[in-house]
Amino acid sequence: MKLLVFIGPSGSGKSTIARALHARGVIEVTPTWTTRPRRDDEESGTIEHQFVDEDEFAHLEQNGFFHDVVNMFGLPYRYGLPRVESPGEGKIPAVIVRAPLVQSLSLHYPDRVVYQIETVRDRARDRIESRSPADLDGGTRFNGWKRELALGRHVTSRVFETGESVRATVAAIQRAIIEDFLEERSGLG
């Protein structure tokens, strides 16, 4: 199974892009599971995260549900990536992870295409601040932003800039998916 991997530092637009492609029926995202609290825009759920308490997370981890478990940004929350299943129906299997996790993910999914989603630093900072000002306190999600951007460029197949038009970026990524996943392309056009 060929896997599509979205990476990019906080505030780059990964989730927005993935949600749009999912809504178009192009991709099926396997969510990470996390113990972090939901943000205001996540109250009704998201395609990229399953939110659980620490006890449920520990139970899943002990039963081998996750490939990998990590803590991010020096915060106490944990993230786990379960096995990715083939979605069928002409959809491309996808995950959203951070650049430092691509190497580990590659051990489980060597046939993968990595798309880095980028934006300018000020736009990323504004996005982070608008969804959760506490994420900027102490720099938790913004520390290492430049390092993560640079690391991502070393492990990515393609880079996409999220500028003013999300619609244009989504369309460009959809065209790239068709090129990169030709054998799985039925239903993508």
N, C-alpha and C. Protein backbone atom coordinates (compact mmCIF):
# COMPACT_ATOMS: atom_id res chain seq x y z
N MET A 1 0.85 -1.18 0.00
CA MET A 1 0.00 0.00 0.00
C MET A 1 0.89 1.24 0.00
N LYS A 2 0.60 2.14 -0.88
CA LYS A 2 1.32 3.41 -0.98
C LYS A 2 0.59 4.42 -0.10
N LEU A 3 1.35 5.11 0.75
CA LEU A 3 0.80 6.01 1.76
C LEU A 3 1.18 7.46 1.46
N LEU A 4 0.22 8.37 1.61
CA LEU A 4 0.46 9.80 1.51
C LEU A 4 0.67 10.35 2.91
N VAL A 5 1.78 11.06 3.10
CA VAL A 5 2.14 11.61 4.41
C VAL A 5 2.20 13.13 4.30
N PHE A 6 1.40 13.81 5.10
CA PHE A 6 1.45 15.26 5.18
C PHE A 6 2.31 15.65 6.37
N ILE A 7 3.27 16.56 6.15
CA ILE A 7 4.09 17.10 7.23
C ILE A 7 4.10 18.62 7.11
N GLY A 8 4.62 19.26 8.13
CA GLY A 8 4.77 20.71 8.14
C GLY A 8 4.72 21.19 9.56
N PRO A 9 5.39 22.29 9.85
CA PRO A 9 5.37 22.80 11.22
C PRO A 9 3.99 23.34 11.60
N SER A 10 3.81 23.59 12.88
CA SER A 10 2.55 24.13 13.39
C SER A 10 2.14 25.37 12.61
N GLY A 11 0.86 25.47 12.30
CA GLY A 11 0.33 26.65 11.64
C GLY A 11 0.53 26.67 10.14
N SER A 12 1.06 25.60 9.57
CA SER A 12 1.33 25.59 8.13
C SER A 12 0.09 25.35 7.29
N GLY A 13 -0.93 24.72 7.86
CA GLY A 13 -2.16 24.46 7.12
C GLY A 13 -2.39 22.99 6.79
N LYS A 14 -1.63 22.09 7.42
CA LYS A 14 -1.76 20.64 7.15
C LYS A 14 -3.19 20.16 7.34
N SER A 15 -3.76 20.47 8.46
CA SER A 15 -5.11 19.98 8.77
C SER A 15 -6.15 20.56 7.82
N THR A 16 -6.04 21.83 7.52
CA THR A 16 -6.98 22.48 6.61
C THR A 16 -6.94 21.81 5.24
N ILE A 17 -5.74 21.55 4.74
CA ILE A 17 -5.57 20.90 3.45
C ILE A 17 -6.14 19.48 3.48
N ALA A 18 -5.76 18.72 4.50
CA ALA A 18 -6.23 17.33 4.60
C ALA A 18 -7.75 17.28 4.73
N ARG A 19 -8.33 18.16 5.51
CA ARG A 19 -9.79 18.17 5.65
C ARG A 19 -10.47 18.45 4.32
N ALA A 20 -9.93 19.38 3.54
CA ALA A 20 -10.52 19.71 2.23
C ALA A 20 -10.41 18.53 1.27
N LEU A 21 -9.26 17.87 1.24
CA LEU A 21 -9.08 16.72 0.35
C LEU A 21 -9.95 15.54 0.79
N HIS A 22 -10.12 15.39 2.08
CA HIS A 22 -11.01 14.34 2.60
C HIS A 22 -12.46 14.64 2.19
N ALA A 23 -12.87 15.89 2.32
CA ALA A 23 -14.24 16.28 1.95
C ALA A 23 -14.50 16.06 0.46
N ARG A 24 -13.47 16.17 -0.36
CA ARG A 24 -13.60 15.92 -1.81
C ARG A 24 -13.58 14.43 -2.13
N GLY A 25 -13.32 13.58 -1.13
CA GLY A 25 -13.28 12.14 -1.36
C GLY A 25 -11.97 11.65 -1.96
N VAL A 26 -10.92 12.45 -1.86
CA VAL A 26 -9.63 12.10 -2.45
C VAL A 26 -8.80 11.23 -1.51
N ILE A 27 -8.79 11.57 -0.23
CA ILE A 27 -7.97 10.85 0.74
C ILE A 27 -8.82 10.33 1.89
N GLU A 28 -8.28 9.34 2.59
CA GLU A 28 -8.85 8.85 3.84
C GLU A 28 -7.74 8.94 4.87
N VAL A 29 -7.92 9.80 5.88
CA VAL A 29 -6.88 10.05 6.87
C VAL A 29 -7.02 9.06 8.03
N THR A 30 -5.93 8.40 8.36
CA THR A 30 -5.88 7.61 9.59
C THR A 30 -5.46 8.58 10.68
N PRO A 31 -6.30 8.78 11.68
CA PRO A 31 -5.98 9.78 12.70
C PRO A 31 -4.93 9.29 13.69
N THR A 32 -4.16 10.23 14.22
CA THR A 32 -3.34 9.94 15.38
C THR A 32 -4.27 9.97 16.58
N TRP A 33 -3.90 9.27 17.61
CA TRP A 33 -4.65 9.28 18.86
C TRP A 33 -3.85 10.12 19.83
N THR A 34 -4.52 10.95 20.61
CA THR A 34 -3.80 11.86 21.48
C THR A 34 -4.51 12.07 22.81
N THR A 35 -3.68 12.39 23.81
CA THR A 35 -4.20 12.70 25.15
C THR A 35 -4.33 14.21 25.34
N ARG A 36 -3.96 14.99 24.34
CA ARG A 36 -4.06 16.44 24.53
C ARG A 36 -5.52 16.89 24.50
N PRO A 37 -5.83 17.98 25.21
CA PRO A 37 -7.20 18.49 25.18
C PRO A 37 -7.57 19.00 23.79
N ARG A 38 -8.84 18.96 23.49
CA ARG A 38 -9.33 19.50 22.21
C ARG A 38 -9.24 21.02 22.24
N ARG A 39 -8.97 21.60 21.08
CA ARG A 39 -9.07 23.04 20.93
C ARG A 39 -10.52 23.38 20.61
N ASP A 40 -10.84 24.67 20.64
CA ASP A 40 -12.21 25.09 20.38
C ASP A 40 -12.73 24.61 19.03
N ASP A 41 -11.86 24.62 18.01
CA ASP A 41 -12.30 24.22 16.67
C ASP A 41 -12.36 22.70 16.49
N GLU A 42 -12.07 21.95 17.55
CA GLU A 42 -12.07 20.49 17.48
C GLU A 42 -13.19 19.86 18.32
N GLU A 43 -14.06 20.66 18.87
CA GLU A 43 -15.10 20.15 19.76
C GLU A 43 -15.98 19.09 19.10
N SER A 44 -16.26 19.24 17.81
CA SER A 44 -17.12 18.26 17.13
C SER A 44 -16.30 17.14 16.50
N GLY A 45 -15.00 17.09 16.81
CA GLY A 45 -14.14 16.04 16.28
C GLY A 45 -13.36 16.50 15.06
N THR A 46 -12.38 15.71 14.68
CA THR A 46 -11.56 16.01 13.51
C THR A 46 -11.20 14.69 12.82
N ILE A 47 -10.78 14.78 11.58
CA ILE A 47 -10.34 13.58 10.88
C ILE A 47 -8.91 13.22 11.25
N GLU A 48 -8.16 14.18 11.78
CA GLU A 48 -6.75 13.93 12.02
C GLU A 48 -6.40 13.46 13.43
N HIS A 49 -7.32 13.59 14.39
CA HIS A 49 -7.04 13.16 15.77
C HIS A 49 -8.24 12.45 16.38
N GLN A 50 -7.94 11.43 17.18
CA GLN A 50 -8.92 10.83 18.09
C GLN A 50 -8.46 11.25 19.48
N PHE A 51 -9.34 11.85 20.25
CA PHE A 51 -8.98 12.35 21.57
C PHE A 51 -9.42 11.34 22.64
N VAL A 52 -8.47 10.93 23.47
CA VAL A 52 -8.75 9.97 24.52
C VAL A 52 -8.05 10.41 25.80
N ASP A 53 -8.51 9.86 26.92
CA ASP A 53 -7.83 10.18 28.18
C ASP A 53 -6.60 9.29 28.33
N GLU A 54 -5.80 9.60 29.33
CA GLU A 54 -4.53 8.89 29.53
C GLU A 54 -4.74 7.39 29.77
N ASP A 55 -5.78 7.02 30.51
CA ASP A 55 -6.03 5.60 30.77
C ASP A 55 -6.33 4.82 29.50
N GLU A 56 -7.20 5.37 28.65
CA GLU A 56 -7.53 4.68 27.40
C GLU A 56 -6.31 4.60 26.49
N PHE A 57 -5.54 5.68 26.44
CA PHE A 57 -4.33 5.70 25.62
C PHE A 57 -3.36 4.61 26.10
N ALA A 58 -3.15 4.53 27.41
CA ALA A 58 -2.23 3.53 27.97
C ALA A 58 -2.71 2.12 27.64
N HIS A 59 -4.02 1.90 27.71
CA HIS A 59 -4.59 0.58 27.39
C HIS A 59 -4.31 0.24 25.92
N LEU A 60 -4.54 1.17 25.02
CA LEU A 60 -4.28 0.95 23.60
C LEU A 60 -2.79 0.67 23.35
N GLU A 61 -1.95 1.44 24.01
CA GLU A 61 -0.51 1.25 23.84
C GLU A 61 -0.07 -0.13 24.34
N GLN A 62 -0.55 -0.53 25.49
CA GLN A 62 -0.18 -1.83 26.06
C GLN A 62 -0.66 -2.99 25.19
N ASN A 63 -1.73 -2.78 24.44
CA ASN A 63 -2.27 -3.84 23.58
C ASN A 63 -1.75 -3.77 22.14
N GLY A 64 -0.69 -2.98 21.92
CA GLY A 64 -0.04 -2.94 20.61
C GLY A 64 -0.82 -2.25 19.52
N PHE A 65 -1.73 -1.36 19.89
CA PHE A 65 -2.55 -0.66 18.90
C PHE A 65 -1.73 0.32 18.06
N PHE A 66 -0.67 0.89 18.65
CA PHE A 66 0.10 1.93 17.98
C PHE A 66 1.41 1.39 17.41
N HIS A 67 1.82 1.93 16.25
CA HIS A 67 3.17 1.69 15.74
C HIS A 67 4.18 2.42 16.61
N ASP A 68 3.88 3.69 16.86
CA ASP A 68 4.78 4.57 17.60
C ASP A 68 3.98 5.47 18.53
N VAL A 69 4.61 5.85 19.64
CA VAL A 69 4.03 6.80 20.58
C VAL A 69 5.10 7.85 20.88
N VAL A 70 4.69 9.13 20.82
CA VAL A 70 5.64 10.22 21.06
C VAL A 70 5.00 11.31 21.91
N ASN A 71 5.86 12.10 22.54
CA ASN A 71 5.48 13.36 23.16
C ASN A 71 6.05 14.44 22.26
N MET A 72 5.31 15.52 22.10
CA MET A 72 5.75 16.59 21.22
C MET A 72 5.84 17.91 21.98
N PHE A 73 6.77 18.75 21.56
CA PHE A 73 6.90 20.14 22.01
C PHE A 73 7.19 20.27 23.49
N GLY A 74 7.67 19.21 24.13
CA GLY A 74 7.94 19.27 25.56
C GLY A 74 6.68 19.32 26.40
N LEU A 75 5.54 19.01 25.79
CA LEU A 75 4.27 19.01 26.51
C LEU A 75 3.97 17.60 27.04
N PRO A 76 3.11 17.47 28.03
CA PRO A 76 2.85 16.15 28.63
C PRO A 76 1.93 15.25 27.81
N TYR A 77 1.40 15.74 26.71
CA TYR A 77 0.44 14.96 25.93
C TYR A 77 1.16 13.94 25.06
N ARG A 78 0.49 12.82 24.83
CA ARG A 78 1.07 11.78 23.99
C ARG A 78 0.27 11.62 22.71
N TYR A 79 0.98 11.21 21.67
CA TYR A 79 0.38 10.96 20.37
C TYR A 79 0.77 9.55 19.95
N GLY A 80 -0.17 8.81 19.40
CA GLY A 80 0.11 7.47 18.91
C GLY A 80 -0.42 7.31 17.50
N LEU A 81 0.35 6.62 16.67
CA LEU A 81 -0.08 6.35 15.29
C LEU A 81 -0.45 4.88 15.18
N PRO A 82 -1.73 4.60 14.90
CA PRO A 82 -2.14 3.20 14.71
C PRO A 82 -1.77 2.72 13.32
N ARG A 83 -2.00 1.46 13.07
CA ARG A 83 -1.77 0.90 11.74
C ARG A 83 -2.72 1.56 10.73
N VAL A 84 -2.19 1.81 9.55
CA VAL A 84 -2.99 2.42 8.49
C VAL A 84 -3.59 1.31 7.64
N GLU A 85 -4.88 1.35 7.47
CA GLU A 85 -5.59 0.36 6.66
C GLU A 85 -5.83 0.94 5.27
N SER A 86 -5.90 0.08 4.27
CA SER A 86 -6.21 0.51 2.92
C SER A 86 -7.67 0.94 2.86
N PRO A 87 -7.95 2.17 2.41
CA PRO A 87 -9.32 2.67 2.47
C PRO A 87 -10.25 2.15 1.37
N GLY A 88 -9.70 1.64 0.28
CA GLY A 88 -10.56 1.21 -0.83
C GLY A 88 -11.27 2.39 -1.46
N GLU A 89 -12.29 2.12 -2.24
CA GLU A 89 -13.14 3.14 -2.87
C GLU A 89 -12.37 4.21 -3.64
N GLY A 90 -11.16 3.91 -4.12
CA GLY A 90 -10.40 4.89 -4.90
C GLY A 90 -9.77 5.99 -4.08
N LYS A 91 -9.88 5.93 -2.76
CA LYS A 91 -9.26 6.96 -1.91
C LYS A 91 -7.82 6.58 -1.60
N ILE A 92 -7.02 7.58 -1.35
CA ILE A 92 -5.62 7.40 -1.02
C ILE A 92 -5.48 7.41 0.50
N PRO A 93 -4.78 6.40 1.07
CA PRO A 93 -4.55 6.41 2.52
C PRO A 93 -3.56 7.52 2.89
N ALA A 94 -3.88 8.25 3.95
CA ALA A 94 -3.05 9.40 4.33
C ALA A 94 -2.91 9.49 5.85
N VAL A 95 -1.82 10.10 6.28
CA VAL A 95 -1.59 10.42 7.67
C VAL A 95 -1.01 11.83 7.74
N ILE A 96 -1.17 12.45 8.89
CA ILE A 96 -0.58 13.75 9.16
C ILE A 96 0.35 13.57 10.35
N VAL A 97 1.64 13.79 10.12
CA VAL A 97 2.63 13.64 11.18
C VAL A 97 3.60 14.81 11.12
N ARG A 98 4.54 14.84 12.03
CA ARG A 98 5.57 15.87 12.04
C ARG A 98 6.82 15.32 11.38
N ALA A 99 7.62 16.19 10.80
CA ALA A 99 8.81 15.80 10.05
C ALA A 99 9.74 14.86 10.83
N PRO A 100 9.96 15.08 12.13
CA PRO A 100 10.86 14.17 12.85
C PRO A 100 10.36 12.72 12.90
N LEU A 101 9.09 12.50 12.59
CA LEU A 101 8.53 11.15 12.69
C LEU A 101 8.53 10.40 11.35
N VAL A 102 8.93 11.06 10.28
CA VAL A 102 8.89 10.42 8.96
C VAL A 102 9.80 9.21 8.89
N GLN A 103 10.99 9.31 9.46
CA GLN A 103 11.91 8.17 9.42
C GLN A 103 11.31 6.96 10.12
N SER A 104 10.75 7.15 11.28
CA SER A 104 10.11 6.05 12.00
C SER A 104 8.92 5.48 11.21
N LEU A 105 8.13 6.36 10.64
CA LEU A 105 6.98 5.94 9.83
C LEU A 105 7.44 5.12 8.63
N SER A 106 8.58 5.49 8.07
CA SER A 106 9.11 4.80 6.89
C SER A 106 9.44 3.34 7.16
N LEU A 107 9.73 3.00 8.39
CA LEU A 107 9.99 1.60 8.74
C LEU A 107 8.75 0.74 8.53
N HIS A 108 7.59 1.32 8.76
CA HIS A 108 6.33 0.59 8.64
C HIS A 108 5.71 0.74 7.25
N TYR A 109 5.98 1.86 6.60
CA TYR A 109 5.39 2.16 5.30
C TYR A 109 6.47 2.67 4.34
N PRO A 110 7.29 1.76 3.81
CA PRO A 110 8.38 2.21 2.93
C PRO A 110 7.89 2.81 1.61
N ASP A 111 6.69 2.43 1.17
CA ASP A 111 6.14 2.99 -0.08
C ASP A 111 5.25 4.17 0.29
N ARG A 112 5.86 5.34 0.33
CA ARG A 112 5.14 6.53 0.77
C ARG A 112 5.56 7.73 -0.06
N VAL A 113 4.67 8.71 -0.09
CA VAL A 113 4.95 9.99 -0.72
C VAL A 113 4.71 11.03 0.36
N VAL A 114 5.68 11.92 0.55
CA VAL A 114 5.61 12.92 1.63
C VAL A 114 5.41 14.30 1.02
N TYR A 115 4.36 14.99 1.47
CA TYR A 115 4.09 16.36 1.05
C TYR A 115 4.29 17.28 2.25
N GLN A 116 5.21 18.24 2.11
CA GLN A 116 5.36 19.23 3.17
C GLN A 116 4.49 20.43 2.85
N ILE A 117 3.69 20.81 3.83
CA ILE A 117 2.84 21.99 3.73
C ILE A 117 3.56 23.12 4.48
N GLU A 118 3.75 24.24 3.79
CA GLU A 118 4.49 25.36 4.37
C GLU A 118 3.71 26.65 4.25
N THR A 119 4.07 27.59 5.08
CA THR A 119 3.61 28.96 4.99
C THR A 119 4.69 29.84 5.58
N VAL A 120 4.55 31.14 5.44
CA VAL A 120 5.53 32.05 6.01
C VAL A 120 5.36 32.08 7.53
N ARG A 121 6.44 32.36 8.21
CA ARG A 121 6.47 32.29 9.68
C ARG A 121 5.39 33.17 10.34
N ASP A 122 5.22 34.40 9.86
CA ASP A 122 4.23 35.29 10.48
C ASP A 122 2.81 34.75 10.32
N ARG A 123 2.51 34.17 9.15
CA ARG A 123 1.18 33.60 8.94
C ARG A 123 0.97 32.40 9.86
N ALA A 124 2.00 31.57 10.01
CA ALA A 124 1.90 30.42 10.91
C ALA A 124 1.67 30.88 12.35
N ARG A 125 2.40 31.89 12.75
CA ARG A 125 2.24 32.42 14.12
C ARG A 125 0.82 32.95 14.32
N ASP A 126 0.30 33.67 13.34
CA ASP A 126 -1.07 34.19 13.44
C ASP A 126 -2.09 33.04 13.54
N ARG A 127 -1.89 31.99 12.74
CA ARG A 127 -2.81 30.84 12.78
C ARG A 127 -2.79 30.15 14.14
N ILE A 128 -1.57 29.95 14.67
CA ILE A 128 -1.44 29.29 15.97
C ILE A 128 -2.10 30.14 17.05
N GLU A 129 -1.83 31.44 17.02
CA GLU A 129 -2.38 32.34 18.03
C GLU A 129 -3.90 32.41 17.95
N SER A 130 -4.46 32.37 16.74
CA SER A 130 -5.91 32.48 16.60
C SER A 130 -6.64 31.24 17.11
N ARG A 131 -6.00 30.09 17.04
CA ARG A 131 -6.69 28.87 17.49
C ARG A 131 -6.39 28.54 18.94
N SER A 132 -5.23 28.97 19.44
CA SER A 132 -4.88 28.66 20.82
C SER A 132 -3.72 29.53 21.27
N PRO A 133 -4.02 30.71 21.81
CA PRO A 133 -2.94 31.61 22.24
C PRO A 133 -1.97 30.95 23.22
N ALA A 134 -2.45 29.99 24.01
CA ALA A 134 -1.57 29.33 24.97
C ALA A 134 -0.46 28.55 24.27
N ASP A 135 -0.68 28.14 23.03
CA ASP A 135 0.34 27.42 22.29
C ASP A 135 1.56 28.28 22.00
N LEU A 136 1.39 29.60 22.03
CA LEU A 136 2.53 30.49 21.81
C LEU A 136 3.24 30.82 23.12
N ASP A 137 2.52 30.68 24.25
CA ASP A 137 3.14 30.95 25.55
C ASP A 137 4.32 30.01 25.75
N GLY A 138 5.47 30.54 25.96
CA GLY A 138 6.65 29.71 26.13
C GLY A 138 7.11 29.09 24.83
N GLY A 139 6.43 29.40 23.74
CA GLY A 139 6.85 28.91 22.44
C GLY A 139 6.63 27.43 22.20
N THR A 140 5.75 26.78 22.95
CA THR A 140 5.64 25.33 22.88
C THR A 140 5.51 24.80 21.46
N ARG A 141 4.62 25.35 20.66
CA ARG A 141 4.45 24.87 19.29
C ARG A 141 5.28 25.67 18.29
N PHE A 142 5.83 26.79 18.72
CA PHE A 142 6.58 27.62 17.79
C PHE A 142 8.10 27.44 17.95
N ASN A 143 8.53 26.89 19.10
CA ASN A 143 9.95 26.58 19.25
C ASN A 143 10.33 25.55 18.21
N GLY A 144 11.44 25.73 17.58
CA GLY A 144 11.90 24.76 16.60
C GLY A 144 11.18 24.81 15.27
N TRP A 145 10.37 25.85 15.04
CA TRP A 145 9.59 25.96 13.81
C TRP A 145 10.51 25.94 12.59
N LYS A 146 11.57 26.74 12.63
CA LYS A 146 12.50 26.80 11.49
C LYS A 146 13.23 25.47 11.31
N ARG A 147 13.63 24.83 12.41
CA ARG A 147 14.31 23.54 12.32
C ARG A 147 13.40 22.48 11.71
N GLU A 148 12.13 22.48 12.12
CA GLU A 148 11.20 21.50 11.57
C GLU A 148 10.96 21.74 10.09
N LEU A 149 10.87 22.99 9.69
CA LEU A 149 10.70 23.34 8.28
C LEU A 149 11.88 22.81 7.47
N ALA A 150 13.09 23.05 7.97
CA ALA A 150 14.30 22.60 7.26
C ALA A 150 14.38 21.08 7.22
N LEU A 151 14.09 20.41 8.32
CA LEU A 151 14.11 18.95 8.35
C LEU A 151 13.10 18.39 7.35
N GLY A 152 11.92 18.98 7.32
CA GLY A 152 10.88 18.52 6.40
C GLY A 152 11.33 18.59 4.95
N ARG A 153 12.08 19.61 4.61
CA ARG A 153 12.55 19.74 3.23
C ARG A 153 13.52 18.63 2.84
N HIS A 154 14.13 18.00 3.83
CA HIS A 154 15.06 16.89 3.56
C HIS A 154 14.33 15.56 3.39
N VAL A 155 13.11 15.45 3.88
CA VAL A 155 12.41 14.16 3.82
C VAL A 155 11.18 14.19 2.92
N THR A 156 10.90 15.33 2.31
CA THR A 156 9.67 15.47 1.54
C THR A 156 9.86 15.12 0.06
N SER A 157 8.76 14.74 -0.55
CA SER A 157 8.73 14.50 -1.99
C SER A 157 8.36 15.78 -2.73
N ARG A 158 7.46 16.55 -2.14
CA ARG A 158 6.99 17.81 -2.74
C ARG A 158 6.70 18.82 -1.62
N VAL A 159 6.83 20.10 -1.97
CA VAL A 159 6.53 21.19 -1.04
C VAL A 159 5.38 22.00 -1.62
N PHE A 160 4.41 22.33 -0.76
CA PHE A 160 3.28 23.17 -1.16
C PHE A 160 3.17 24.34 -0.20
N GLU A 161 3.08 25.54 -0.75
CA GLU A 161 2.94 26.76 0.04
C GLU A 161 1.46 27.08 0.21
N THR A 162 1.03 27.24 1.45
CA THR A 162 -0.35 27.67 1.68
C THR A 162 -0.35 29.18 1.78
N GLY A 163 -0.74 29.80 0.72
CA GLY A 163 -0.80 31.25 0.67
C GLY A 163 -2.19 31.74 1.04
N GLU A 164 -2.65 32.73 0.33
CA GLU A 164 -3.95 33.32 0.61
C GLU A 164 -5.10 32.41 0.18
N SER A 165 -4.88 31.58 -0.85
CA SER A 165 -5.98 30.78 -1.40
C SER A 165 -5.82 29.30 -1.05
N VAL A 166 -6.59 28.85 -0.07
CA VAL A 166 -6.59 27.44 0.30
C VAL A 166 -7.11 26.61 -0.88
N ARG A 167 -8.12 27.13 -1.55
CA ARG A 167 -8.71 26.41 -2.69
C ARG A 167 -7.66 26.11 -3.77
N ALA A 168 -6.81 27.08 -4.09
CA ALA A 168 -5.78 26.87 -5.10
C ALA A 168 -4.74 25.86 -4.63
N THR A 169 -4.38 25.91 -3.36
CA THR A 169 -3.42 24.96 -2.81
C THR A 169 -3.99 23.55 -2.82
N VAL A 170 -5.24 23.40 -2.43
CA VAL A 170 -5.89 22.08 -2.44
C VAL A 170 -5.94 21.54 -3.87
N ALA A 171 -6.27 22.37 -4.83
CA ALA A 171 -6.33 21.93 -6.23
C ALA A 171 -4.95 21.48 -6.71
N ALA A 172 -3.90 22.21 -6.36
CA ALA A 172 -2.54 21.84 -6.76
C ALA A 172 -2.14 20.50 -6.12
N ILE A 173 -2.50 20.31 -4.87
CA ILE A 173 -2.17 19.06 -4.19
C ILE A 173 -2.97 17.90 -4.79
N GLN A 174 -4.22 18.14 -5.13
CA GLN A 174 -5.02 17.08 -5.76
C GLN A 174 -4.40 16.66 -7.10
N ARG A 175 -3.92 17.60 -7.88
CA ARG A 175 -3.24 17.26 -9.14
C ARG A 175 -1.97 16.45 -8.88
N ALA A 176 -1.23 16.81 -7.84
CA ALA A 176 -0.01 16.08 -7.49
C ALA A 176 -0.35 14.66 -7.05
N ILE A 177 -1.42 14.50 -6.29
CA ILE A 177 -1.83 13.17 -5.84
C ILE A 177 -2.15 12.29 -7.05
N ILE A 178 -2.84 12.85 -8.02
CA ILE A 178 -3.17 12.08 -9.23
C ILE A 178 -1.88 11.62 -9.92
N GLU A 179 -0.89 12.51 -10.01
CA GLU A 179 0.39 12.13 -10.61
C GLU A 179 1.13 11.08 -9.79
N ASP A 180 1.16 11.27 -8.48
CA ASP A 180 1.96 10.41 -7.61
C ASP A 180 1.31 9.06 -7.29
N PHE A 181 0.01 8.98 -7.52
CA PHE A 181 -0.72 7.75 -7.19
C PHE A 181 -1.50 7.26 -8.40
N LEU A 182 -0.88 7.28 -9.56
CA LEU A 182 -1.57 6.90 -10.80
C LEU A 182 -2.29 5.57 -10.72
N GLU A 183 -1.62 4.56 -10.14
CA GLU A 183 -2.23 3.25 -10.08
C GLU A 183 -3.45 3.20 -9.15
N GLU A 184 -3.55 4.15 -8.23
CA GLU A 184 -4.69 4.21 -7.32
C GLU A 184 -5.68 5.29 -7.72
N ARG A 185 -5.54 5.86 -8.90
CA ARG A 185 -6.23 7.10 -9.25
C ARG A 185 -7.71 6.99 -9.52
N SER A 186 -8.31 5.84 -9.67
CA SER A 186 -9.74 5.78 -9.95
C SER A 186 -10.51 6.53 -8.88
N GLY A 187 -11.35 7.44 -9.31
CA GLY A 187 -12.14 8.22 -8.38
C GLY A 187 -11.46 9.50 -7.92
N LEU A 188 -10.23 9.80 -8.35
CA LEU A 188 -9.53 10.99 -7.89
C LEU A 188 -9.77 12.21 -8.76
N GLY A 189 -10.15 12.03 -10.00
CA GLY A 189 -10.22 13.14 -10.95
C GLY A 189 -11.27 14.06 -10.77
